[in-house]
Amino acid sequence: MEMNQTNQPQPPQPSNHLAMAIITTIICCLPAGIVSIVYATQVNSKYNAGDYEGAQRASKNAKTWWIVSMVTALVILIGYIVFVFAFAGDDIMEQIQREMERQEQLQQ
């Protein structure tokens, strides 16, 4: 453990989750990812200022929001897939069937 200015043991710095916050913002869900980035950037500054509890809260919030971002993206993706197959599934299957028949005719 490091020592702070008052020679008191300093607790270890919590993870800032910045990498996952950025990744989920770019790949998944922009609004929740931005919230995660904001909390992630607060971790280091609060820790360096001696606000260890604040750094822990910011770390926990950053993690929570990148998870929310990822789950939101998965729900949207699953919803999109269900929507496509519910409304265009028959057309897609017909096109696949026609293409398979065409491939069979080309092979003969």
PDB file of N, CA and C in Angstrom:
ATOM      1  N   MET A   1       0.834  -1.188   0.000  1.00  0.00           N
ATOM      2  CA  MET A   1       0.000   0.000   0.000  1.00  0.00           C
ATOM      3  C   MET A   1       0.877   1.248   0.000  1.00  0.00           C
ATOM      4  N   GLU A   2       0.452   2.227  -0.752  1.00  0.00           N
ATOM      5  CA  GLU A   2       1.180   3.492  -0.773  1.00  0.00           C
ATOM      6  C   GLU A   2       0.793   4.310   0.454  1.00  0.00           C
ATOM      7  N   MET A   3       1.636   5.292   0.748  1.00  0.00           N
ATOM      8  CA  MET A   3       1.349   6.195   1.858  1.00  0.00           C
ATOM      9  C   MET A   3       0.936   7.547   1.272  1.00  0.00           C
ATOM     10  N   ASN A   4      -0.073   8.168   1.887  1.00  0.00           N
ATOM     11  CA  ASN A   4      -0.467   9.487   1.417  1.00  0.00           C
ATOM     12  C   ASN A   4       0.331  10.553   2.168  1.00  0.00           C
ATOM     13  N   GLN A   5      -0.023  11.818   2.026  1.00  0.00           N
ATOM     14  CA  GLN A   5       0.750  12.913   2.609  1.00  0.00           C
ATOM     15  C   GLN A   5       0.747  12.890   4.132  1.00  0.00           C
ATOM     16  N   THR A   6      -0.230  12.292   4.748  1.00  0.00           N
ATOM     17  CA  THR A   6      -0.304  12.234   6.211  1.00  0.00           C
ATOM     18  C   THR A   6       0.256  10.921   6.741  1.00  0.00           C
ATOM     19  N   ASN A   7       1.024  10.216   5.910  1.00  0.00           N
ATOM     20  CA  ASN A   7       1.624   8.933   6.255  1.00  0.00           C
ATOM     21  C   ASN A   7       0.601   7.875   6.655  1.00  0.00           C
ATOM     22  N   GLN A   8      -0.601   8.010   6.158  1.00  0.00           N
ATOM     23  CA  GLN A   8      -1.640   7.005   6.359  1.00  0.00           C
ATOM     24  C   GLN A   8      -1.616   6.061   5.163  1.00  0.00           C
ATOM     25  N   PRO A   9      -1.837   4.772   5.388  1.00  0.00           N
ATOM     26  CA  PRO A   9      -1.861   3.862   4.232  1.00  0.00           C
ATOM     27  C   PRO A   9      -2.993   4.233   3.280  1.00  0.00           C
ATOM     28  N   GLN A  10      -2.671   4.245   2.012  1.00  0.00           N
ATOM     29  CA  GLN A  10      -3.624   4.597   0.968  1.00  0.00           C
ATOM     30  C   GLN A  10      -4.221   3.311   0.406  1.00  0.00           C
ATOM     31  N   PRO A  11      -5.544   3.216   0.324  1.00  0.00           N
ATOM     32  CA  PRO A  11      -6.131   2.013  -0.279  1.00  0.00           C
ATOM     33  C   PRO A  11      -5.774   1.940  -1.760  1.00  0.00           C
ATOM     34  N   PRO A  12      -5.798   0.743  -2.334  1.00  0.00           N
ATOM     35  CA  PRO A  12      -5.469   0.629  -3.758  1.00  0.00           C
ATOM     36  C   PRO A  12      -6.487   1.375  -4.621  1.00  0.00           C
ATOM     37  N   GLN A  13      -5.999   1.912  -5.724  1.00  0.00           N
ATOM     38  CA  GLN A  13      -6.876   2.664  -6.622  1.00  0.00           C
ATOM     39  C   GLN A  13      -7.830   1.703  -7.318  1.00  0.00           C
ATOM     40  N   PRO A  14      -9.131   2.020  -7.303  1.00  0.00           N
ATOM     41  CA  PRO A  14     -10.085   1.158  -8.010  1.00  0.00           C
ATOM     42  C   PRO A  14      -9.926   1.305  -9.523  1.00  0.00           C
ATOM     43  N   SER A  15     -10.357   0.303 -10.233  1.00  0.00           N
ATOM     44  CA  SER A  15     -10.304   0.340 -11.697  1.00  0.00           C
ATOM     45  C   SER A  15     -11.202   1.453 -12.200  1.00  0.00           C
ATOM     46  N   ASN A  16     -10.737   2.159 -13.219  1.00  0.00           N
ATOM     47  CA  ASN A  16     -11.582   3.232 -13.756  1.00  0.00           C
ATOM     48  C   ASN A  16     -12.498   2.747 -14.883  1.00  0.00           C
ATOM     49  N   HIS A  17     -12.288   1.548 -15.407  1.00  0.00           N
ATOM     50  CA  HIS A  17     -13.127   0.949 -16.457  1.00  0.00           C
ATOM     51  C   HIS A  17     -13.200   1.814 -17.711  1.00  0.00           C
ATOM     52  N   LEU A  18     -12.192   2.659 -17.920  1.00  0.00           N
ATOM     53  CA  LEU A  18     -12.225   3.580 -19.057  1.00  0.00           C
ATOM     54  C   LEU A  18     -12.188   2.845 -20.395  1.00  0.00           C
ATOM     55  N   ALA A  19     -11.394   1.805 -20.487  1.00  0.00           N
ATOM     56  CA  ALA A  19     -11.300   1.078 -21.759  1.00  0.00           C
ATOM     57  C   ALA A  19     -12.656   0.500 -22.164  1.00  0.00           C
ATOM     58  N   MET A  20     -13.332  -0.163 -21.233  1.00  0.00           N
ATOM     59  CA  MET A  20     -14.639  -0.739 -21.550  1.00  0.00           C
ATOM     60  C   MET A  20     -15.673   0.355 -21.818  1.00  0.00           C
ATOM     61  N   ALA A  21     -15.559   1.466 -21.118  1.00  0.00           N
ATOM     62  CA  ALA A  21     -16.482   2.583 -21.351  1.00  0.00           C
ATOM     63  C   ALA A  21     -16.346   3.096 -22.780  1.00  0.00           C
ATOM     64  N   ILE A  22     -15.108   3.236 -23.239  1.00  0.00           N
ATOM     65  CA  ILE A  22     -14.877   3.719 -24.603  1.00  0.00           C
ATOM     66  C   ILE A  22     -15.332   2.692 -25.629  1.00  0.00           C
ATOM     67  N   ILE A  23     -14.986   1.430 -25.402  1.00  0.00           N
ATOM     68  CA  ILE A  23     -15.360   0.373 -26.341  1.00  0.00           C
ATOM     69  C   ILE A  23     -16.874   0.270 -26.473  1.00  0.00           C
ATOM     70  N   THR A  24     -17.586   0.272 -25.355  1.00  0.00           N
ATOM     71  CA  THR A  24     -19.039   0.143 -25.436  1.00  0.00           C
ATOM     72  C   THR A  24     -19.683   1.392 -26.021  1.00  0.00           C
ATOM     73  N   THR A  25     -19.051   2.547 -25.841  1.00  0.00           N
ATOM     74  CA  THR A  25     -19.588   3.764 -26.451  1.00  0.00           C
ATOM     75  C   THR A  25     -19.482   3.682 -27.968  1.00  0.00           C
ATOM     76  N   ILE A  26     -18.341   3.218 -28.452  1.00  0.00           N
ATOM     77  CA  ILE A  26     -18.113   3.150 -29.897  1.00  0.00           C
ATOM     78  C   ILE A  26     -18.948   2.035 -30.529  1.00  0.00           C
ATOM     79  N   ILE A  27     -18.930   0.861 -29.924  1.00  0.00           N
ATOM     80  CA  ILE A  27     -19.553  -0.309 -30.530  1.00  0.00           C
ATOM     81  C   ILE A  27     -21.035  -0.431 -30.206  1.00  0.00           C
ATOM     82  N   CYS A  28     -21.418  -0.094 -29.013  1.00  0.00           N
ATOM     83  CA  CYS A  28     -22.761  -0.459 -28.538  1.00  0.00           C
ATOM     84  C   CYS A  28     -23.750   0.706 -28.501  1.00  0.00           C
ATOM     85  N   CYS A  29     -23.703   1.422 -27.441  1.00  0.00           N
ATOM     86  CA  CYS A  29     -24.780   2.378 -27.157  1.00  0.00           C
ATOM     87  C   CYS A  29     -24.183   3.710 -26.723  1.00  0.00           C
ATOM     88  N   LEU A  30     -24.307   4.704 -27.541  1.00  0.00           N
ATOM     89  CA  LEU A  30     -23.659   5.990 -27.308  1.00  0.00           C
ATOM     90  C   LEU A  30     -24.072   6.677 -26.000  1.00  0.00           C
ATOM     91  N   PRO A  31     -25.357   6.888 -25.697  1.00  0.00           N
ATOM     92  CA  PRO A  31     -25.701   7.658 -24.485  1.00  0.00           C
ATOM     93  C   PRO A  31     -25.197   7.023 -23.184  1.00  0.00           C
ATOM     94  N   ALA A  32     -25.451   5.744 -22.980  1.00  0.00           N
ATOM     95  CA  ALA A  32     -25.011   5.089 -21.748  1.00  0.00           C
ATOM     96  C   ALA A  32     -23.492   4.998 -21.707  1.00  0.00           C
ATOM     97  N   GLY A  33     -22.861   4.827 -22.844  1.00  0.00           N
ATOM     98  CA  GLY A  33     -21.413   4.775 -22.898  1.00  0.00           C
ATOM     99  C   GLY A  33     -20.778   6.097 -22.495  1.00  0.00           C
ATOM    100  N   ILE A  34     -21.382   7.197 -22.886  1.00  0.00           N
ATOM    101  CA  ILE A  34     -20.862   8.516 -22.512  1.00  0.00           C
ATOM    102  C   ILE A  34     -20.948   8.707 -21.005  1.00  0.00           C
ATOM    103  N   VAL A  35     -22.053   8.279 -20.407  1.00  0.00           N
ATOM    104  CA  VAL A  35     -22.189   8.360 -18.949  1.00  0.00           C
ATOM    105  C   VAL A  35     -21.079   7.543 -18.292  1.00  0.00           C
ATOM    106  N   SER A  36     -20.805   6.369 -18.834  1.00  0.00           N
ATOM    107  CA  SER A  36     -19.741   5.525 -18.304  1.00  0.00           C
ATOM    108  C   SER A  36     -18.383   6.211 -18.410  1.00  0.00           C
ATOM    109  N   ILE A  37     -18.115   6.865 -19.523  1.00  0.00           N
ATOM    110  CA  ILE A  37     -16.843   7.579 -19.691  1.00  0.00           C
ATOM    111  C   ILE A  37     -16.711   8.704 -18.667  1.00  0.00           C
ATOM    112  N   VAL A  38     -17.787   9.417 -18.427  1.00  0.00           N
ATOM    113  CA  VAL A  38     -17.748  10.509 -17.447  1.00  0.00           C
ATOM    114  C   VAL A  38     -17.365   9.972 -16.066  1.00  0.00           C
ATOM    115  N   TYR A  39     -18.011   8.899 -15.639  1.00  0.00           N
ATOM    116  CA  TYR A  39     -17.679   8.318 -14.336  1.00  0.00           C
ATOM    117  C   TYR A  39     -16.254   7.755 -14.335  1.00  0.00           C
ATOM    118  N   ALA A  40     -15.846   7.130 -15.431  1.00  0.00           N
ATOM    119  CA  ALA A  40     -14.506   6.544 -15.500  1.00  0.00           C
ATOM    120  C   ALA A  40     -13.421   7.611 -15.351  1.00  0.00           C
ATOM    121  N   THR A  41     -13.657   8.776 -15.939  1.00  0.00           N
ATOM    122  CA  THR A  41     -12.658   9.835 -15.839  1.00  0.00           C
ATOM    123  C   THR A  41     -12.613  10.466 -14.451  1.00  0.00           C
ATOM    124  N   GLN A  42     -13.649  10.279 -13.663  1.00  0.00           N
ATOM    125  CA  GLN A  42     -13.671  10.830 -12.308  1.00  0.00           C
ATOM    126  C   GLN A  42     -12.869   9.983 -11.321  1.00  0.00           C
ATOM    127  N   VAL A  43     -12.652   8.712 -11.629  1.00  0.00           N
ATOM    128  CA  VAL A  43     -12.006   7.804 -10.672  1.00  0.00           C
ATOM    129  C   VAL A  43     -10.615   8.299 -10.291  1.00  0.00           C
ATOM    130  N   ASN A  44      -9.757   8.546 -11.275  1.00  0.00           N
ATOM    131  CA  ASN A  44      -8.379   8.948 -10.982  1.00  0.00           C
ATOM    132  C   ASN A  44      -8.308  10.268 -10.229  1.00  0.00           C
ATOM    133  N   SER A  45      -9.099  11.243 -10.661  1.00  0.00           N
ATOM    134  CA  SER A  45      -9.029  12.551 -10.002  1.00  0.00           C
ATOM    135  C   SER A  45      -9.524  12.477  -8.560  1.00  0.00           C
ATOM    136  N   LYS A  46     -10.569  11.720  -8.314  1.00  0.00           N
ATOM    137  CA  LYS A  46     -11.063  11.590  -6.940  1.00  0.00           C
ATOM    138  C   LYS A  46     -10.067  10.830  -6.072  1.00  0.00           C
ATOM    139  N   TYR A  47      -9.461   9.791  -6.629  1.00  0.00           N
ATOM    140  CA  TYR A  47      -8.470   9.023  -5.877  1.00  0.00           C
ATOM    141  C   TYR A  47      -7.268   9.899  -5.532  1.00  0.00           C
ATOM    142  N   ASN A  48      -6.773  10.641  -6.508  1.00  0.00           N
ATOM    143  CA  ASN A  48      -5.610  11.506  -6.280  1.00  0.00           C
ATOM    144  C   ASN A  48      -5.914  12.637  -5.309  1.00  0.00           C
ATOM    145  N   ALA A  49      -7.182  13.044  -5.218  1.00  0.00           N
ATOM    146  CA  ALA A  49      -7.581  14.093  -4.290  1.00  0.00           C
ATOM    147  C   ALA A  49      -7.807  13.540  -2.875  1.00  0.00           C
ATOM    148  N   GLY A  50      -7.694  12.222  -2.726  1.00  0.00           N
ATOM    149  CA  GLY A  50      -7.886  11.619  -1.412  1.00  0.00           C
ATOM    150  C   GLY A  50      -9.317  11.185  -1.138  1.00  0.00           C
ATOM    151  N   ASP A  51     -10.195  11.358  -2.113  1.00  0.00           N
ATOM    152  CA  ASP A  51     -11.597  10.944  -1.959  1.00  0.00           C
ATOM    153  C   ASP A  51     -11.724   9.488  -2.403  1.00  0.00           C
ATOM    154  N   TYR A  52     -11.307   8.573  -1.524  1.00  0.00           N
ATOM    155  CA  TYR A  52     -11.276   7.160  -1.873  1.00  0.00           C
ATOM    156  C   TYR A  52     -12.675   6.580  -2.031  1.00  0.00           C
ATOM    157  N   GLU A  53     -13.588   7.008  -1.193  1.00  0.00           N
ATOM    158  CA  GLU A  53     -14.977   6.525  -1.316  1.00  0.00           C
ATOM    159  C   GLU A  53     -15.608   7.034  -2.611  1.00  0.00           C
ATOM    160  N   GLY A  54     -15.322   8.283  -2.955  1.00  0.00           N
ATOM    161  CA  GLY A  54     -15.826   8.844  -4.209  1.00  0.00           C
ATOM    162  C   GLY A  54     -15.254   8.121  -5.417  1.00  0.00           C
ATOM    163  N   ALA A  55     -13.973   7.754  -5.332  1.00  0.00           N
ATOM    164  CA  ALA A  55     -13.344   7.009  -6.428  1.00  0.00           C
ATOM    165  C   ALA A  55     -13.990   5.632  -6.563  1.00  0.00           C
ATOM    166  N   GLN A  56     -14.295   4.988  -5.450  1.00  0.00           N
ATOM    167  CA  GLN A  56     -14.968   3.679  -5.477  1.00  0.00           C
ATOM    168  C   GLN A  56     -16.353   3.799  -6.113  1.00  0.00           C
ATOM    169  N   ARG A  57     -17.105   4.839  -5.706  1.00  0.00           N
ATOM    170  CA  ARG A  57     -18.442   5.044  -6.284  1.00  0.00           C
ATOM    171  C   ARG A  57     -18.361   5.308  -7.776  1.00  0.00           C
ATOM    172  N   ALA A  58     -17.421   6.158  -8.181  1.00  0.00           N
ATOM    173  CA  ALA A  58     -17.264   6.468  -9.607  1.00  0.00           C
ATOM    174  C   ALA A  58     -16.892   5.211 -10.390  1.00  0.00           C
ATOM    175  N   SER A  59     -16.026   4.375  -9.824  1.00  0.00           N
ATOM    176  CA  SER A  59     -15.636   3.123 -10.478  1.00  0.00           C
ATOM    177  C   SER A  59     -16.844   2.201 -10.633  1.00  0.00           C
ATOM    178  N   LYS A  60     -17.615   2.075  -9.575  1.00  0.00           N
ATOM    179  CA  LYS A  60     -18.810   1.217  -9.615  1.00  0.00           C
ATOM    180  C   LYS A  60     -19.808   1.750 -10.644  1.00  0.00           C
ATOM    181  N   ASN A  61     -20.014   3.062 -10.661  1.00  0.00           N
ATOM    182  CA  ASN A  61     -20.947   3.662 -11.627  1.00  0.00           C
ATOM    183  C   ASN A  61     -20.459   3.495 -13.059  1.00  0.00           C
ATOM    184  N   ALA A  62     -19.156   3.656 -13.287  1.00  0.00           N
ATOM    185  CA  ALA A  62     -18.605   3.471 -14.632  1.00  0.00           C
ATOM    186  C   ALA A  62     -18.863   2.050 -15.114  1.00  0.00           C
ATOM    187  N   LYS A  63     -18.617   1.075 -14.238  1.00  0.00           N
ATOM    188  CA  LYS A  63     -18.846  -0.325 -14.598  1.00  0.00           C
ATOM    189  C   LYS A  63     -20.328  -0.574 -14.874  1.00  0.00           C
ATOM    190  N   THR A  64     -21.173  -0.058 -14.007  1.00  0.00           N
ATOM    191  CA  THR A  64     -22.618  -0.239 -14.187  1.00  0.00           C
ATOM    192  C   THR A  64     -23.075   0.307 -15.534  1.00  0.00           C
ATOM    193  N   TRP A  65     -22.602   1.505 -15.901  1.00  0.00           N
ATOM    194  CA  TRP A  65     -23.069   2.131 -17.131  1.00  0.00           C
ATOM    195  C   TRP A  65     -22.514   1.480 -18.385  1.00  0.00           C
ATOM    196  N   TRP A  66     -21.278   0.934 -18.349  1.00  0.00           N
ATOM    197  CA  TRP A  66     -20.830   0.230 -19.553  1.00  0.00           C
ATOM    198  C   TRP A  66     -21.576  -1.077 -19.708  1.00  0.00           C
ATOM    199  N   ILE A  67     -21.960  -1.696 -18.592  1.00  0.00           N
ATOM    200  CA  ILE A  67     -22.779  -2.911 -18.686  1.00  0.00           C
ATOM    201  C   ILE A  67     -24.164  -2.559 -19.231  1.00  0.00           C
ATOM    202  N   VAL A  68     -24.751  -1.466 -18.759  1.00  0.00           N
ATOM    203  CA  VAL A  68     -26.052  -1.006 -19.272  1.00  0.00           C
ATOM    204  C   VAL A  68     -25.946  -0.752 -20.775  1.00  0.00           C
ATOM    205  N   SER A  69     -24.855  -0.148 -21.206  1.00  0.00           N
ATOM    206  CA  SER A  69     -24.644   0.125 -22.623  1.00  0.00           C
ATOM    207  C   SER A  69     -24.611  -1.163 -23.433  1.00  0.00           C
ATOM    208  N   MET A  70     -23.878  -2.145 -22.932  1.00  0.00           N
ATOM    209  CA  MET A  70     -23.758  -3.411 -23.647  1.00  0.00           C
ATOM    210  C   MET A  70     -25.095  -4.161 -23.690  1.00  0.00           C
ATOM    211  N   VAL A  71     -25.794  -4.204 -22.572  1.00  0.00           N
ATOM    212  CA  VAL A  71     -27.085  -4.897 -22.523  1.00  0.00           C
ATOM    213  C   VAL A  71     -28.091  -4.209 -23.437  1.00  0.00           C
ATOM    214  N   THR A  72     -28.090  -2.883 -23.438  1.00  0.00           N
ATOM    215  CA  THR A  72     -28.992  -2.137 -24.319  1.00  0.00           C
ATOM    216  C   THR A  72     -28.714  -2.479 -25.779  1.00  0.00           C
ATOM    217  N   ALA A  73     -27.457  -2.537 -26.143  1.00  0.00           N
ATOM    218  CA  ALA A  73     -27.110  -2.880 -27.520  1.00  0.00           C
ATOM    219  C   ALA A  73     -27.565  -4.293 -27.874  1.00  0.00           C
ATOM    220  N   LEU A  74     -27.401  -5.236 -26.946  1.00  0.00           N
ATOM    221  CA  LEU A  74     -27.844  -6.613 -27.201  1.00  0.00           C
ATOM    222  C   LEU A  74     -29.360  -6.693 -27.366  1.00  0.00           C
ATOM    223  N   VAL A  75     -30.089  -5.967 -26.524  1.00  0.00           N
ATOM    224  CA  VAL A  75     -31.554  -5.957 -26.630  1.00  0.00           C
ATOM    225  C   VAL A  75     -31.979  -5.369 -27.969  1.00  0.00           C
ATOM    226  N   ILE A  76     -31.337  -4.290 -28.382  1.00  0.00           N
ATOM    227  CA  ILE A  76     -31.673  -3.678 -29.665  1.00  0.00           C
ATOM    228  C   ILE A  76     -31.348  -4.634 -30.811  1.00  0.00           C
ATOM    229  N   LEU A  77     -30.201  -5.298 -30.743  1.00  0.00           N
ATOM    230  CA  LEU A  77     -29.819  -6.239 -31.790  1.00  0.00           C
ATOM    231  C   LEU A  77     -30.800  -7.404 -31.877  1.00  0.00           C
ATOM    232  N   ILE A  78     -31.158  -7.976 -30.756  1.00  0.00           N
ATOM    233  CA  ILE A  78     -32.120  -9.085 -30.741  1.00  0.00           C
ATOM    234  C   ILE A  78     -33.482  -8.613 -31.244  1.00  0.00           C
ATOM    235  N   GLY A  79     -33.899  -7.432 -30.819  1.00  0.00           N
ATOM    236  CA  GLY A  79     -35.159  -6.874 -31.307  1.00  0.00           C
ATOM    237  C   GLY A  79     -35.145  -6.669 -32.809  1.00  0.00           C
ATOM    238  N   TYR A  80     -34.027  -6.203 -33.343  1.00  0.00           N
ATOM    239  CA  TYR A  80     -33.903  -5.994 -34.788  1.00  0.00           C
ATOM    240  C   TYR A  80     -33.996  -7.322 -35.529  1.00  0.00           C
ATOM    241  N   ILE A  81     -33.299  -8.331 -35.024  1.00  0.00           N
ATOM    242  CA  ILE A  81     -33.330  -9.643 -35.670  1.00  0.00           C
ATOM    243  C   ILE A  81     -34.749 -10.210 -35.659  1.00  0.00           C
ATOM    244  N   VAL A  82     -35.424 -10.098 -34.522  1.00  0.00           N
ATOM    245  CA  VAL A  82     -36.809 -10.587 -34.434  1.00  0.00           C
ATOM    246  C   VAL A  82     -37.691  -9.811 -35.405  1.00  0.00           C
ATOM    247  N   PHE A  83     -37.523  -8.502 -35.464  1.00  0.00           N
ATOM    248  CA  PHE A  83     -38.317  -7.669 -36.368  1.00  0.00           C
ATOM    249  C   PHE A  83     -38.105  -8.078 -37.823  1.00  0.00           C
ATOM    250  N   VAL A  84     -36.847  -8.266 -38.207  1.00  0.00           N
ATOM    251  CA  VAL A  84     -36.537  -8.633 -39.590  1.00  0.00           C
ATOM    252  C   VAL A  84     -37.167  -9.969 -39.933  1.00  0.00           C
ATOM    253  N   PHE A  85     -37.011 -10.955 -39.081  1.00  0.00           N
ATOM    254  CA  PHE A  85     -37.571 -12.264 -39.385  1.00  0.00           C
ATOM    255  C   PHE A  85     -39.087 -12.294 -39.276  1.00  0.00           C
ATOM    256  N   ALA A  86     -39.656 -11.454 -38.429  1.00  0.00           N
ATOM    257  CA  ALA A  86     -41.112 -11.427 -38.306  1.00  0.00           C
ATOM    258  C   ALA A  86     -41.761 -10.805 -39.542  1.00  0.00           C
ATOM    259  N   PHE A  87     -41.130  -9.762 -40.091  1.00  0.00           N
ATOM    260  CA  PHE A  87     -41.743  -9.055 -41.206  1.00  0.00           C
ATOM    261  C   PHE A  87     -41.134  -9.384 -42.566  1.00  0.00           C
ATOM    262  N   ALA A  88     -39.888  -9.844 -42.579  1.00  0.00           N
ATOM    263  CA  ALA A  88     -39.250 -10.133 -43.856  1.00  0.00           C
ATOM    264  C   ALA A  88     -38.757 -11.569 -43.928  1.00  0.00           C
ATOM    265  N   GLY A  89     -39.041 -12.353 -42.926  1.00  0.00           N
ATOM    266  CA  GLY A  89     -38.547 -13.723 -42.868  1.00  0.00           C
ATOM    267  C   GLY A  89     -38.979 -14.567 -44.044  1.00  0.00           C
ATOM    268  N   ASP A  90     -40.245 -14.460 -44.434  1.00  0.00           N
ATOM    269  CA  ASP A  90     -40.740 -15.249 -45.567  1.00  0.00           C
ATOM    270  C   ASP A  90     -40.027 -14.864 -46.864  1.00  0.00           C
ATOM    271  N   ASP A  91     -39.843 -13.573 -47.082  1.00  0.00           N
ATOM    272  CA  ASP A  91     -39.142 -13.120 -48.284  1.00  0.00           C
ATOM    273  C   ASP A  91     -37.689 -13.602 -48.296  1.00  0.00           C
ATOM    274  N   ILE A  92     -37.050 -13.541 -47.158  1.00  0.00           N
ATOM    275  CA  ILE A  92     -35.661 -13.999 -47.068  1.00  0.00           C
ATOM    276  C   ILE A  92     -35.580 -15.485 -47.364  1.00  0.00           C
ATOM    277  N   MET A  93     -36.463 -16.256 -46.779  1.00  0.00           N
ATOM    278  CA  MET A  93     -36.457 -17.702 -47.009  1.00  0.00           C
ATOM    279  C   MET A  93     -36.738 -18.032 -48.475  1.00  0.00           C
ATOM    280  N   GLU A  94     -37.632 -17.290 -49.118  1.00  0.00           N
ATOM    281  CA  GLU A  94     -37.922 -17.511 -50.537  1.00  0.00           C
ATOM    282  C   GLU A  94     -36.690 -17.210 -51.386  1.00  0.00           C
ATOM    283  N   GLN A  95     -35.980 -16.137 -51.057  1.00  0.00           N
ATOM    284  CA  GLN A  95     -34.778 -15.795 -51.805  1.00  0.00           C
ATOM    285  C   GLN A  95     -33.700 -16.860 -51.617  1.00  0.00           C
ATOM    286  N   ILE A  96     -33.559 -17.366 -50.407  1.00  0.00           N
ATOM    287  CA  ILE A  96     -32.584 -18.425 -50.152  1.00  0.00           C
ATOM    288  C   ILE A  96     -32.945 -19.670 -50.946  1.00  0.00           C
ATOM    289  N   GLN A  97     -34.236 -20.017 -50.949  1.00  0.00           N
ATOM    290  CA  GLN A  97     -34.696 -21.200 -51.687  1.00  0.00           C
ATOM    291  C   GLN A  97     -34.437 -21.047 -53.187  1.00  0.00           C
ATOM    292  N   ARG A  98     -34.735 -19.852 -53.731  1.00  0.00           N
ATOM    293  CA  ARG A  98     -34.491 -19.611 -55.155  1.00  0.00           C
ATOM    294  C   ARG A  98     -33.007 -19.713 -55.483  1.00  0.00           C
ATOM    295  N   GLU A  99     -32.174 -19.165 -54.609  1.00  0.00           N
ATOM    296  CA  GLU A  99     -30.733 -19.221 -54.844  1.00  0.00           C
ATOM    297  C   GLU A  99     -30.234 -20.660 -54.786  1.00  0.00           C
ATOM    298  N   MET A 100     -30.748 -21.458 -53.876  1.00  0.00           N
ATOM    299  CA  MET A 100     -30.351 -22.864 -53.792  1.00  0.00           C
ATOM    300  C   MET A 100     -30.775 -23.617 -55.058  1.00  0.00           C
ATOM    301  N   GLU A 101     -31.977 -23.328 -55.538  1.00  0.00           N
ATOM    302  CA  GLU A 101     -32.450 -23.974 -56.781  1.00  0.00           C
ATOM    303  C   GLU A 101     -31.592 -23.547 -57.961  1.00  0.00           C
ATOM    304  N   ARG A 102     -31.215 -22.292 -58.007  1.00  0.00           N
ATOM    305  CA  ARG A 102     -30.377 -21.789 -59.085  1.00  0.00           C
ATOM    306  C   ARG A 102     -29.004 -22.472 -59.055  1.00  0.00           C
ATOM    307  N   GLN A 103     -28.453 -22.622 -57.847  1.00  0.00           N
ATOM    308  CA  GLN A 103     -27.161 -23.300 -57.707  1.00  0.00           C
ATOM    309  C   GLN A 103     -27.236 -24.755 -58.159  1.00  0.00           C
ATOM    310  N   GLU A 104     -28.354 -25.427 -57.849  1.00  0.00           N
ATOM    311  CA  GLU A 104     -28.559 -26.812 -58.280  1.00  0.00           C
ATOM    312  C   GLU A 104     -28.600 -26.897 -59.805  1.00  0.00           C
ATOM    313  N   GLN A 105     -29.297 -25.947 -60.453  1.00  0.00           N
ATOM    314  CA  GLN A 105     -29.405 -25.946 -61.904  1.00  0.00           C
ATOM    315  C   GLN A 105     -28.036 -25.679 -62.542  1.00  0.00           C
ATOM    316  N   LEU A 106     -27.241 -24.848 -61.936  1.00  0.00           N
ATOM    317  CA  LEU A 106     -25.914 -24.567 -62.470  1.00  0.00           C
ATOM    318  C   LEU A 106     -24.988 -25.782 -62.358  1.00  0.00           C
ATOM    319  N   GLN A 107     -25.176 -26.566 -61.330  1.00  0.00           N
ATOM    320  CA  GLN A 107     -24.333 -27.745 -61.134  1.00  0.00           C
ATOM    321  C   GLN A 107     -24.687 -28.885 -62.072  1.00  0.00           C
ATOM    322  N   GLN A 108     -25.895 -28.894 -62.595  1.00  0.00           N
ATOM    323  CA  GLN A 108     -26.337 -29.984 -63.470  1.00  0.00           C
ATOM    324  C   GLN A 108     -25.880 -29.817 -64.870  1.00  0.00           C
TER     325      GLN A 108
END
